[in-house]
Each structure stands twice: as C-alpha cells, then as structure tokens.
PDB file of N, CA and C in Angstrom:
ATOM      1  N   ARG A   1     -19.798  27.657  -9.118  1.00  0.00           N
ATOM      2  CA  ARG A   1     -19.516  26.935  -8.690  1.00  0.00           C
ATOM      3  C   ARG A   1     -17.943  26.519  -9.347  1.00  0.00           C
ATOM      4  N   TYR A   2     -18.528  25.880 -11.020  1.00  0.00           N
ATOM      5  CA  TYR A   2     -17.175  25.218 -11.599  1.00  0.00           C
ATOM      6  C   TYR A   2     -16.991  26.076 -12.315  1.00  0.00           C
ATOM      7  N   GLN A   3     -17.423  27.360 -12.577  1.00  0.00           N
ATOM      8  CA  GLN A   3     -16.663  28.639 -13.330  1.00  0.00           C
ATOM      9  C   GLN A   3     -16.070  29.691 -12.254  1.00  0.00           C
ATOM     10  N   GLN A   4     -14.905  30.118 -12.490  1.00  0.00           N
ATOM     11  CA  GLN A   4     -14.657  31.320 -11.541  1.00  0.00           C
ATOM     12  C   GLN A   4     -14.383  32.608 -12.828  1.00  0.00           C
ATOM     13  N   MET A   5     -14.252  33.564 -12.365  1.00  0.00           N
ATOM     14  CA  MET A   5     -13.599  34.539 -13.072  1.00  0.00           C
ATOM     15  C   MET A   5     -13.446  35.304 -12.082  1.00  0.00           C
ATOM     16  N   SER A   6     -11.978  35.492 -12.019  1.00  0.00           N
ATOM     17  CA  SER A   6     -11.498  36.377 -11.046  1.00  0.00           C
ATOM     18  C   SER A   6     -11.459  37.842 -11.338  1.00  0.00           C
ATOM     19  N   VAL A   7     -10.998  38.529 -10.350  1.00  0.00           N
ATOM     20  CA  VAL A   7     -11.343  40.322 -10.885  1.00  0.00           C
ATOM     21  C   VAL A   7     -10.476  40.418 -11.709  1.00  0.00           C
ATOM     22  N   GLY A   8      -9.033  39.980 -11.908  1.00  0.00           N
ATOM     23  CA  GLY A   8      -8.307  40.395 -12.271  1.00  0.00           C
ATOM     24  C   GLY A   8      -8.746  40.183 -14.127  1.00  0.00           C
ATOM     25  N   MET A   9      -9.548  38.827 -14.135  1.00  0.00           N
ATOM     26  CA  MET A   9      -9.827  38.529 -15.532  1.00  0.00           C
ATOM     27  C   MET A   9     -10.880  39.691 -16.088  1.00  0.00           C
ATOM     28  N   PHE A  10     -11.969  39.842 -14.857  1.00  0.00           N
ATOM     29  CA  PHE A  10     -13.020  41.050 -15.120  1.00  0.00           C
ATOM     30  C   PHE A  10     -12.288  42.756 -15.699  1.00  0.00           C
ATOM     31  N   VAL A  11     -11.234  42.242 -14.970  1.00  0.00           N
ATOM     32  CA  VAL A  11     -10.424  44.066 -15.135  1.00  0.00           C
ATOM     33  C   VAL A  11     -10.044  43.829 -16.373  1.00  0.00           C
ATOM     34  N   LYS A  12      -8.995  42.770 -16.847  1.00  0.00           N
ATOM     35  CA  LYS A  12      -8.400  43.119 -17.977  1.00  0.00           C
ATOM     36  C   LYS A  12      -9.420  42.772 -19.546  1.00  0.00           C
ATOM     37  N   LYS A  13     -10.715  42.521 -18.761  1.00  0.00           N
ATOM     38  CA  LYS A  13     -11.575  42.677 -20.126  1.00  0.00           C
ATOM     39  C   LYS A  13     -12.102  43.794 -20.453  1.00  0.00           C
ATOM     40  N   MET A  14     -12.192  44.799 -19.597  1.00  0.00           N
ATOM     41  CA  MET A  14     -12.861  45.867 -19.393  1.00  0.00           C
ATOM     42  C   MET A  14     -11.790  47.035 -20.129  1.00  0.00           C
ATOM     43  N   LYS A  15     -13.127  48.377 -20.650  1.00  0.00           N
ATOM     44  CA  LYS A  15     -11.680  49.155 -20.972  1.00  0.00           C
ATOM     45  C   LYS A  15     -11.979  50.714 -19.813  1.00  0.00           C
ATOM     46  N   LEU A  16     -10.516  50.266 -19.091  1.00  0.00           N
ATOM     47  CA  LEU A  16     -10.907  51.176 -17.938  1.00  0.00           C
ATOM     48  C   LEU A  16     -11.066  52.661 -18.676  1.00  0.00           C
ATOM     49  N   SER A  17     -10.101  53.069 -20.124  1.00  0.00           N
ATOM     50  CA  SER A  17     -10.837  54.357 -20.482  1.00  0.00           C
ATOM     51  C   SER A  17     -12.018  54.853 -20.451  1.00  0.00           C
ATOM     52  N   MET A  18     -13.252  53.621 -20.358  1.00  0.00           N
ATOM     53  CA  MET A  18     -14.465  53.658 -20.263  1.00  0.00           C
ATOM     54  C   MET A  18     -15.096  54.251 -18.837  1.00  0.00           C
ATOM     55  N   VAL A  19     -14.319  54.120 -17.615  1.00  0.00           N
ATOM     56  CA  VAL A  19     -14.415  54.214 -16.507  1.00  0.00           C
ATOM     57  C   VAL A  19     -13.803  55.595 -15.858  1.00  0.00           C
ATOM     58  N   LYS A  20     -15.038  57.199 -16.126  1.00  0.00           N
ATOM     59  CA  LYS A  20     -14.896  58.637 -15.639  1.00  0.00           C
ATOM     60  C   LYS A  20     -13.559  58.303 -14.792  1.00  0.00           C
ATOM     61  N   TRP A  21     -14.211  58.276 -13.903  1.00  0.00           N
ATOM     62  CA  TRP A  21     -13.704  58.831 -12.728  1.00  0.00           C
ATOM     63  C   TRP A  21     -11.829  57.844 -12.215  1.00  0.00           C
ATOM     64  N   LEU A  22     -11.662  57.293 -13.099  1.00  0.00           N
ATOM     65  CA  LEU A  22     -10.402  56.696 -13.187  1.00  0.00           C
ATOM     66  C   LEU A  22      -9.647  57.883 -14.198  1.00  0.00           C
ATOM     67  N   LYS A  23     -10.124  58.214 -15.171  1.00  0.00           N
ATOM     68  CA  LYS A  23      -9.735  59.428 -16.117  1.00  0.00           C
ATOM     69  C   LYS A  23      -8.503  59.874 -15.246  1.00  0.00           C
ATOM     70  N   ASN A  24      -7.222  60.032 -16.091  1.00  0.00           N
ATOM     71  CA  ASN A  24      -6.309  60.928 -15.746  1.00  0.00           C
ATOM     72  C   ASN A  24      -6.429  62.528 -16.618  1.00  0.00           C
ATOM     73  N   GLN A  25      -6.509  63.266 -15.579  1.00  0.00           N
ATOM     74  CA  GLN A  25      -6.501  64.680 -16.161  1.00  0.00           C
ATOM     75  C   GLN A  25      -5.802  65.053 -17.498  1.00  0.00           C
ATOM     76  N   THR A  26      -5.129  64.764 -17.880  1.00  0.00           N
ATOM     77  CA  THR A  26      -4.112  64.878 -19.427  1.00  0.00           C
ATOM     78  C   THR A  26      -5.039  64.329 -20.266  1.00  0.00           C
ATOM     79  N   GLY A  27      -5.634  62.780 -19.899  1.00  0.00           N
ATOM     80  CA  GLY A  27      -6.007  62.101 -21.125  1.00  0.00           C
ATOM     81  C   GLY A  27      -4.961  60.987 -21.443  1.00  0.00           C
ATOM     82  N   HIS A  28      -4.065  61.164 -21.182  1.00  0.00           N
ATOM     83  CA  HIS A  28      -2.513  60.355 -21.680  1.00  0.00           C
ATOM     84  C   HIS A  28      -2.566  59.732 -20.517  1.00  0.00           C
ATOM     85  N   ALA A  29      -2.367  58.295 -19.911  1.00  0.00           N
ATOM     86  CA  ALA A  29      -1.856  57.715 -18.696  1.00  0.00           C
ATOM     87  C   ALA A  29      -0.571  57.297 -19.234  1.00  0.00           C
ATOM     88  N   SER A  30       0.604  57.204 -18.311  1.00  0.00           N
ATOM     89  CA  SER A  30       1.872  56.300 -18.611  1.00  0.00           C
ATOM     90  C   SER A  30       1.232  55.040 -18.025  1.00  0.00           C
ATOM     91  N   LEU A  31       2.150  53.880 -18.526  1.00  0.00           N
ATOM     92  CA  LEU A  31       2.325  52.762 -18.291  1.00  0.00           C
ATOM     93  C   LEU A  31       2.400  52.769 -16.708  1.00  0.00           C
ATOM     94  N   THR A  32       3.136  52.860 -15.481  1.00  0.00           N
ATOM     95  CA  THR A  32       2.418  52.957 -14.302  1.00  0.00           C
ATOM     96  C   THR A  32       1.423  53.449 -13.970  1.00  0.00           C
ATOM     97  N   ASP A  33       0.876  54.957 -14.293  1.00  0.00           N
ATOM     98  CA  ASP A  33      -0.444  55.255 -14.213  1.00  0.00           C
ATOM     99  C   ASP A  33      -2.193  54.162 -14.477  1.00  0.00           C
ATOM    100  N   SER A  34      -1.615  53.616 -15.859  1.00  0.00           N
ATOM    101  CA  SER A  34      -2.211  52.731 -15.972  1.00  0.00           C
ATOM    102  C   SER A  34      -2.644  51.208 -15.072  1.00  0.00           C
ATOM    103  N   LEU A  35      -1.357  50.807 -14.809  1.00  0.00           N
ATOM    104  CA  LEU A  35      -0.960  49.888 -13.562  1.00  0.00           C
ATOM    105  C   LEU A  35      -2.187  49.872 -12.048  1.00  0.00           C
ATOM    106  N   LYS A  36      -1.650  51.421 -11.888  1.00  0.00           N
ATOM    107  CA  LYS A  36      -2.353  51.680 -10.640  1.00  0.00           C
ATOM    108  C   LYS A  36      -3.816  52.010 -10.932  1.00  0.00           C
ATOM    109  N   GLN A  37      -3.942  52.726 -11.841  1.00  0.00           N
ATOM    110  CA  GLN A  37      -5.745  52.155 -12.278  1.00  0.00           C
ATOM    111  C   GLN A  37      -6.422  51.070 -12.395  1.00  0.00           C
ATOM    112  N   ALA A  38      -5.323  50.357 -12.980  1.00  0.00           N
ATOM    113  CA  ALA A  38      -5.959  48.964 -12.966  1.00  0.00           C
ATOM    114  C   ALA A  38      -5.892  48.176 -11.560  1.00  0.00           C
ATOM    115  N   GLU A  39      -5.329  48.551 -10.620  1.00  0.00           N
ATOM    116  CA  GLU A  39      -4.818  48.317  -9.256  1.00  0.00           C
ATOM    117  C   GLU A  39      -6.443  48.290  -8.620  1.00  0.00           C
ATOM    118  N   LEU A  40      -6.164  50.065  -8.544  1.00  0.00           N
ATOM    119  CA  LEU A  40      -7.788  50.582  -7.788  1.00  0.00           C
ATOM    120  C   LEU A  40      -9.205  50.422  -8.581  1.00  0.00           C
ATOM    121  N   PHE A  41      -8.905  49.910  -9.423  1.00  0.00           N
ATOM    122  CA  PHE A  41     -10.272  49.377 -10.486  1.00  0.00           C
ATOM    123  C   PHE A  41     -10.626  48.120  -9.449  1.00  0.00           C
ATOM    124  N   SER A  42      -9.374  47.144  -9.721  1.00  0.00           N
ATOM    125  CA  SER A  42      -9.776  46.096  -8.720  1.00  0.00           C
ATOM    126  C   SER A  42     -10.092  46.244  -7.366  1.00  0.00           C
ATOM    127  N   THR A  43      -9.220  46.955  -6.888  1.00  0.00           N
ATOM    128  CA  THR A  43      -9.983  46.737  -4.980  1.00  0.00           C
ATOM    129  C   THR A  43     -11.614  47.403  -5.247  1.00  0.00           C
ATOM    130  N   PHE A  44     -11.606  48.019  -6.031  1.00  0.00           N
ATOM    131  CA  PHE A  44     -12.942  48.757  -6.085  1.00  0.00           C
ATOM    132  C   PHE A  44     -13.829  47.385  -6.578  1.00  0.00           C
ATOM    133  N   ILE A  45     -13.923  46.990  -7.317  1.00  0.00           N
ATOM    134  CA  ILE A  45     -14.514  45.685  -7.812  1.00  0.00           C
ATOM    135  C   ILE A  45     -14.494  44.817  -7.275  1.00  0.00           C
ATOM    136  N   ARG A  46     -13.596  44.426  -6.286  1.00  0.00           N
ATOM    137  CA  ARG A  46     -13.482  43.397  -5.634  1.00  0.00           C
ATOM    138  C   ARG A  46     -14.411  43.450  -3.941  1.00  0.00           C
ATOM    139  N   TRP A  47     -14.398  44.902  -3.817  1.00  0.00           N
ATOM    140  CA  TRP A  47     -14.672  45.572  -2.550  1.00  0.00           C
ATOM    141  C   TRP A  47     -16.369  45.563  -2.486  1.00  0.00           C
ATOM    142  N   ILE A  48     -16.898  45.825  -3.718  1.00  0.00           N
ATOM    143  CA  ILE A  48     -18.292  45.772  -4.459  1.00  0.00           C
ATOM    144  C   ILE A  48     -18.712  44.271  -4.314  1.00  0.00           C
ATOM    145  N   MET A  49     -18.035  43.350  -4.825  1.00  0.00           N
ATOM    146  CA  MET A  49     -18.546  42.082  -4.452  1.00  0.00           C
ATOM    147  C   MET A  49     -18.752  41.800  -3.525  1.00  0.00           C
ATOM    148  N   ASP A  50     -17.687  41.605  -2.239  1.00  0.00           N
ATOM    149  CA  ASP A  50     -17.466  41.101  -1.170  1.00  0.00           C
ATOM    150  C   ASP A  50     -18.099  42.030  -0.231  1.00  0.00           C
ATOM    151  N   GLU A  51     -19.005  43.115  -0.302  1.00  0.00           N
ATOM    152  CA  GLU A  51     -19.622  43.994   0.721  1.00  0.00           C
ATOM    153  C   GLU A  51     -20.537  44.473   0.035  1.00  0.00           C
ATOM    154  N   VAL A  52     -21.324  44.153  -0.949  1.00  0.00           N
ATOM    155  CA  VAL A  52     -22.231  45.025  -1.214  1.00  0.00           C
ATOM    156  C   VAL A  52     -23.366  43.452  -1.793  1.00  0.00           C
ATOM    157  N   ILE A  53     -22.687  43.119  -3.078  1.00  0.00           N
ATOM    158  CA  ILE A  53     -23.125  42.040  -3.885  1.00  0.00           C
ATOM    159  C   ILE A  53     -23.758  40.886  -3.563  1.00  0.00           C
ATOM    160  N   ILE A  54     -22.711  40.180  -2.937  1.00  0.00           N
ATOM    161  CA  ILE A  54     -22.881  39.073  -2.122  1.00  0.00           C
ATOM    162  C   ILE A  54     -23.527  39.159  -1.177  1.00  0.00           C
ATOM    163  N   PRO A  55     -23.160  39.813   0.155  1.00  0.00           N
ATOM    164  CA  PRO A  55     -24.429  39.893   1.384  1.00  0.00           C
ATOM    165  C   PRO A  55     -25.696  40.063   0.281  1.00  0.00           C
ATOM    166  N   THR A  56     -25.802  41.144  -0.289  1.00  0.00           N
ATOM    167  CA  THR A  56     -27.196  41.458  -1.029  1.00  0.00           C
ATOM    168  C   THR A  56     -28.130  39.849  -1.381  1.00  0.00           C
ATOM    169  N   LEU A  57     -27.184  39.580  -2.001  1.00  0.00           N
ATOM    170  CA  LEU A  57     -27.548  37.769  -2.673  1.00  0.00           C
ATOM    171  C   LEU A  57     -28.475  36.926  -1.279  1.00  0.00           C
ATOM    172  N   LYS A  58     -26.897  36.911  -0.529  1.00  0.00           N
ATOM    173  CA  LYS A  58     -27.032  35.630   0.806  1.00  0.00           C
ATOM    174  C   LYS A  58     -28.270  36.211   1.288  1.00  0.00           C
ATOM    175  N   THR A  59     -28.688  37.669   1.477  1.00  0.00           N
ATOM    176  CA  THR A  59     -29.653  37.811   2.290  1.00  0.00           C
ATOM    177  C   THR A  59     -31.163  37.714   1.200  1.00  0.00           C
ATOM    178  N   PHE A  60     -31.246  37.988   0.005  1.00  0.00           N
ATOM    179  CA  PHE A  60     -32.725  37.723  -0.441  1.00  0.00           C
ATOM    180  C   PHE A  60     -32.724  36.679  -1.106  1.00  0.00           C
ATOM    181  N   PHE A  61     -32.008  35.782  -1.065  1.00  0.00           N
ATOM    182  CA  PHE A  61     -32.239  34.388  -1.727  1.00  0.00           C
ATOM    183  C   PHE A  61     -31.361  33.435  -1.470  1.00  0.00           C
ATOM    184  N   TYR A  62     -32.065  31.964  -1.741  1.00  0.00           N
ATOM    185  CA  TYR A  62     -31.229  30.891  -0.927  1.00  0.00           C
ATOM    186  C   TYR A  62     -30.715  30.625  -2.599  1.00  0.00           C
ATOM    187  N   ILE A  63     -29.588  30.385  -2.451  1.00  0.00           N
ATOM    188  CA  ILE A  63     -28.567  29.786  -3.777  1.00  0.00           C
ATOM    189  C   ILE A  63     -28.211  28.621  -3.567  1.00  0.00           C
ATOM    190  N   THR A  64     -28.740  27.509  -4.606  1.00  0.00           N
ATOM    191  CA  THR A  64     -28.539  25.850  -4.683  1.00  0.00           C
ATOM    192  C   THR A  64     -28.028  25.727  -6.390  1.00  0.00           C
ATOM    193  N   GLU A  65     -27.738  24.744  -6.454  1.00  0.00           N
ATOM    194  CA  GLU A  65     -27.446  24.079  -7.386  1.00  0.00           C
ATOM    195  C   GLU A  65     -28.627  22.673  -7.407  1.00  0.00           C
ATOM    196  N   SER A  66     -28.723  22.247  -8.653  1.00  0.00           N
ATOM    197  CA  SER A  66     -29.715  21.221  -8.604  1.00  0.00           C
ATOM    198  C   SER A  66     -28.717  20.228  -9.710  1.00  0.00           C
ATOM    199  N   SER A  67     -29.190  18.840  -8.970  1.00  0.00           N
ATOM    200  CA  SER A  67     -28.703  17.768  -9.714  1.00  0.00           C
ATOM    201  C   SER A  67     -29.447  17.240 -10.799  1.00  0.00           C
ATOM    202  N   ALA A  68     -30.195  18.101 -10.872  1.00  0.00           N
ATOM    203  CA  ALA A  68     -30.946  17.942 -12.575  1.00  0.00           C
ATOM    204  C   ALA A  68     -30.266  18.232 -13.716  1.00  0.00           C
ATOM    205  N   HIS A  69     -29.778  19.756 -13.178  1.00  0.00           N
ATOM    206  CA  HIS A  69     -29.389  20.694 -13.923  1.00  0.00           C
ATOM    207  C   HIS A  69     -27.968  20.441 -13.825  1.00  0.00           C
ATOM    208  N   ARG A  70     -27.069  20.217 -14.364  1.00  0.00           N
ATOM    209  CA  ARG A  70     -25.287  20.046 -13.751  1.00  0.00           C
ATOM    210  C   ARG A  70     -24.902  21.633 -14.074  1.00  0.00           C
ATOM    211  N   ASN A  71     -24.282  21.733 -12.886  1.00  0.00           N
ATOM    212  CA  ASN A  71     -23.545  23.413 -13.216  1.00  0.00           C
ATOM    213  C   ASN A  71     -24.274  24.537 -13.331  1.00  0.00           C
ATOM    214  N   LEU A  72     -25.811  24.302 -13.201  1.00  0.00           N
ATOM    215  CA  LEU A  72     -26.437  25.800 -12.934  1.00  0.00           C
ATOM    216  C   LEU A  72     -26.649  25.748 -11.413  1.00  0.00           C
ATOM    217  N   ILE A  73     -26.753  27.244 -11.480  1.00  0.00           N
ATOM    218  CA  ILE A  73     -27.248  27.765 -10.401  1.00  0.00           C
ATOM    219  C   ILE A  73     -28.626  28.354  -9.931  1.00  0.00           C
ATOM    220  N   PHE A  74     -29.515  27.924  -9.055  1.00  0.00           N
ATOM    221  CA  PHE A  74     -30.642  28.784  -8.642  1.00  0.00           C
ATOM    222  C   PHE A  74     -30.635  29.639  -7.625  1.00  0.00           C
ATOM    223  N   TYR A  75     -31.077  30.906  -8.150  1.00  0.00           N
ATOM    224  CA  TYR A  75     -31.802  32.188  -7.151  1.00  0.00           C
ATOM    225  C   TYR A  75     -33.361  31.840  -6.936  1.00  0.00           C
ATOM    226  N   TYR A  76     -33.364  31.442  -5.423  1.00  0.00           N
ATOM    227  CA  TYR A  76     -34.781  31.405  -4.929  1.00  0.00           C
ATOM    228  C   TYR A  76     -35.561  32.290  -4.197  1.00  0.00           C
ATOM    229  N   ARG A  77     -36.018  33.436  -4.104  1.00  0.00           N
ATOM    230  CA  ARG A  77     -36.410  34.230  -3.382  1.00  0.00           C
ATOM    231  C   ARG A  77     -36.545  33.454  -1.674  1.00  0.00           C
ATOM    232  N   LYS A  78     -36.005  33.942  -0.868  1.00  0.00           N
ATOM    233  CA  LYS A  78     -36.233  33.371   0.635  1.00  0.00           C
ATOM    234  C   LYS A  78     -37.261  32.990   0.825  1.00  0.00           C
ATOM    235  N   PRO A  79     -38.641  33.819   1.010  1.00  0.00           N
ATOM    236  CA  PRO A  79     -39.843  33.036   0.842  1.00  0.00           C
ATOM    237  C   PRO A  79     -40.428  32.367   0.250  1.00  0.00           C
ATOM    238  N   VAL A  80     -40.063  31.932  -1.385  1.00  0.00           N
ATOM    239  CA  VAL A  80     -40.339  31.171  -1.632  1.00  0.00           C
ATOM    240  C   VAL A  80     -39.565  29.881  -1.874  1.00  0.00           C
ATOM    241  N   TRP A  81     -38.584  29.997  -1.330  1.00  0.00           N
ATOM    242  CA  TRP A  81     -37.624  29.074  -0.967  1.00  0.00           C
ATOM    243  C   TRP A  81     -38.400  28.110   0.537  1.00  0.00           C
ATOM    244  N   PHE A  82     -38.843  29.093   1.224  1.00  0.00           N
ATOM    245  CA  PHE A  82     -39.267  28.638   2.706  1.00  0.00           C
ATOM    246  C   PHE A  82     -40.892  28.093   2.584  1.00  0.00           C
ATOM    247  N   GLU A  83     -41.373  28.486   1.104  1.00  0.00           N
ATOM    248  CA  GLU A  83     -42.729  27.364   0.906  1.00  0.00           C
ATOM    249  C   GLU A  83     -42.141  26.543   0.263  1.00  0.00           C
ATOM    250  N   VAL A  84     -41.212  25.961  -0.471  1.00  0.00           N
ATOM    251  CA  VAL A  84     -40.646  25.339  -1.121  1.00  0.00           C
ATOM    252  C   VAL A  84     -40.480  24.184  -0.719  1.00  0.00           C
ATOM    253  N   THR A  85     -39.656  24.110   0.712  1.00  0.00           N
ATOM    254  CA  THR A  85     -39.400  23.607   1.705  1.00  0.00           C
ATOM    255  C   THR A  85     -39.893  23.107   2.640  1.00  0.00           C
ATOM    256  N   LYS A  86     -41.065  23.817   3.022  1.00  0.00           N
ATOM    257  CA  LYS A  86     -42.326  23.530   3.422  1.00  0.00           C
ATOM    258  C   LYS A  86     -43.290  22.539   2.862  1.00  0.00           C
ATOM    259  N   LEU A  87     -43.581  22.607   1.709  1.00  0.00           N
ATOM    260  CA  LEU A  87     -44.137  21.789   1.310  1.00  0.00           C
ATOM    261  C   LEU A  87     -43.378  20.599   1.222  1.00  0.00           C
ATOM    262  N   ALA A  88     -42.420  20.221   0.781  1.00  0.00           N
ATOM    263  CA  ALA A  88     -41.677  19.050   0.598  1.00  0.00           C
ATOM    264  C   ALA A  88     -41.339  18.513   1.893  1.00  0.00           C
ATOM    265  N   LEU A  89     -41.586  19.091   3.070  1.00  0.00           N
ATOM    266  CA  LEU A  89     -41.408  18.290   3.936  1.00  0.00           C
ATOM    267  C   LEU A  89     -42.747  17.487   4.500  1.00  0.00           C
ATOM    268  N   HIS A  90     -43.688  18.682   4.038  1.00  0.00           N
ATOM    269  CA  HIS A  90     -44.810  18.075   4.518  1.00  0.00           C
ATOM    270  C   HIS A  90     -45.623  16.610   3.213  1.00  0.00           C
ATOM    271  N   PHE A  91     -45.185  16.812   2.440  1.00  0.00           N
ATOM    272  CA  PHE A  91     -45.295  15.460   1.568  1.00  0.00           C
ATOM    273  C   PHE A  91     -44.323  14.376   2.094  1.00  0.00           C
ATOM    274  N   GLN A  92     -42.953  14.689   2.576  1.00  0.00           N
ATOM    275  CA  GLN A  92     -42.333  13.709   3.290  1.00  0.00           C
ATOM    276  C   GLN A  92     -42.570  13.232   4.170  1.00  0.00           C
ATOM    277  N   GLU A  93     -43.624  13.877   5.439  1.00  0.00           N
ATOM    278  CA  GLU A  93     -44.043  13.804   6.187  1.00  0.00           C
ATOM    279  C   GLU A  93     -45.088  12.733   6.424  1.00  0.00           C
ATOM    280  N   ASP A  94     -45.866  12.787   5.110  1.00  0.00           N
ATOM    281  CA  ASP A  94     -47.129  12.156   4.849  1.00  0.00           C
ATOM    282  C   ASP A  94     -46.565  10.814   4.157  1.00  0.00           C
ATOM    283  N   SER A  95     -45.982  10.710   3.495  1.00  0.00           N
ATOM    284  CA  SER A  95     -45.645   9.617   2.801  1.00  0.00           C
ATOM    285  C   SER A  95     -44.632   8.441   3.711  1.00  0.00           C
ATOM    286  N   MET A  96     -44.286   9.010   4.674  1.00  0.00           N
ATOM    287  CA  MET A  96     -43.214   7.925   5.626  1.00  0.00           C
ATOM    288  C   MET A  96     -43.767   8.050   6.929  1.00  0.00           C
ATOM    289  N   LEU A  97     -44.632   8.899   7.479  1.00  0.00           N
ATOM    290  CA  LEU A  97     -45.456   8.331   8.980  1.00  0.00           C
ATOM    291  C   LEU A  97     -46.943   8.301   8.797  1.00  0.00           C
ATOM    292  N   LEU A  98     -46.899   7.452   9.405  1.00  0.00           N
ATOM    293  CA  LEU A  98     -48.172   6.777   9.732  1.00  0.00           C
ATOM    294  C   LEU A  98     -48.656   7.398  10.590  1.00  0.00           C
ATOM    295  N   HIS A  99     -50.096   8.065  10.405  1.00  0.00           N
ATOM    296  CA  HIS A  99     -51.054   9.141  11.542  1.00  0.00           C
ATOM    297  C   HIS A  99     -51.886   7.771  12.372  1.00  0.00           C
ATOM    298  N   LYS A 100     -51.318   8.421  13.680  1.00  0.00           N
ATOM    299  CA  LYS A 100     -52.338   7.291  14.614  1.00  0.00           C
ATOM    300  C   LYS A 100     -53.293   8.258  15.207  1.00  0.00           C
ATOM    301  N   THR A 101     -54.371   7.506  15.821  1.00  0.00           N
ATOM    302  CA  THR A 101     -55.098   8.411  17.224  1.00  0.00           C
ATOM    303  C   THR A 101     -54.572   8.070  18.117  1.00  0.00           C
ATOM    304  N   LYS A 102     -55.191   8.535  19.301  1.00  0.00           N
ATOM    305  CA  LYS A 102     -54.808   8.805  20.460  1.00  0.00           C
ATOM    306  C   LYS A 102     -54.955   6.951  21.288  1.00  0.00           C
ATOM    307  N   GLU A 103     -56.146   6.157  20.685  1.00  0.00           N
ATOM    308  CA  GLU A 103     -56.385   5.323  20.857  1.00  0.00           C
ATOM    309  C   GLU A 103     -55.713   4.167  20.292  1.00  0.00           C
ATOM    310  N   GLN A 104     -55.060   4.219  19.057  1.00  0.00           N
ATOM    311  CA  GLN A 104     -54.385   3.249  18.215  1.00  0.00           C
ATOM    312  C   GLN A 104     -52.861   3.193  19.042  1.00  0.00           C
ATOM    313  N   ALA A 105     -52.550   4.510  19.783  1.00  0.00           N
ATOM    314  CA  ALA A 105     -51.475   4.657  20.177  1.00  0.00           C
ATOM    315  C   ALA A 105     -51.256   4.052  21.075  1.00  0.00           C
ATOM    316  N   GLU A 106     -52.285   3.831  22.105  1.00  0.00           N
ATOM    317  CA  GLU A 106     -52.163   3.308  23.174  1.00  0.00           C
ATOM    318  C   GLU A 106     -52.496   1.796  23.179  1.00  0.00           C
TER     319      GLU A 106
END
C-alpha cells in the first residue's frame, strides 16, 4: 500500500536480453526494437499481475495490514483467517454479552 513498484520500474530493472522469447533472431536489436520489446514485456507483466497473480492471491488469502506492525502486509490463508475471526468474535461475545437463562429473561 505504501510502497508501490510500477511495471515500468520493474521492466527497467530487468535485463530483457535474459528473456529468451524476446530475443531478436540476429542477436542485435535496434533502439526501436528494444523499445517495442520493453513495451511487449510490460504488457505481459501487467497481464500476469492483473489476471493471474492478484486474482490467485485474492482467492486463497485474506490480505491485511496490522496496526502493530506499520507498513507490513500480512497474508493469511482464508481457512486460517476464518478460524482467527471466529475465535475473536466468540471472545468478544463472551466478554461483552451476558448469557441469561429463559427464567432470567422473563
């Protein structure tokens, strides 16, 4: 949330020559070819993030920040998060509500 890395920054830090499927057949790319390769790679990375990685994370994890740990993001598997919230709600219910029998309620 507080620190973001754009696709452009990511692509700038990568050596596109290491990506085999982007290599030019001759091995030497003109400036125009290099710019087109960077654009193609950026589009691919954006697609991977938007269509694969982020939906996968949202499907299997509950992602949250913690007030105790500033600027850190925590990833909880959804079944684990369900159990944590269930326990917290039961604790909250037990500490705030008084349980009455039918006779006491009448």
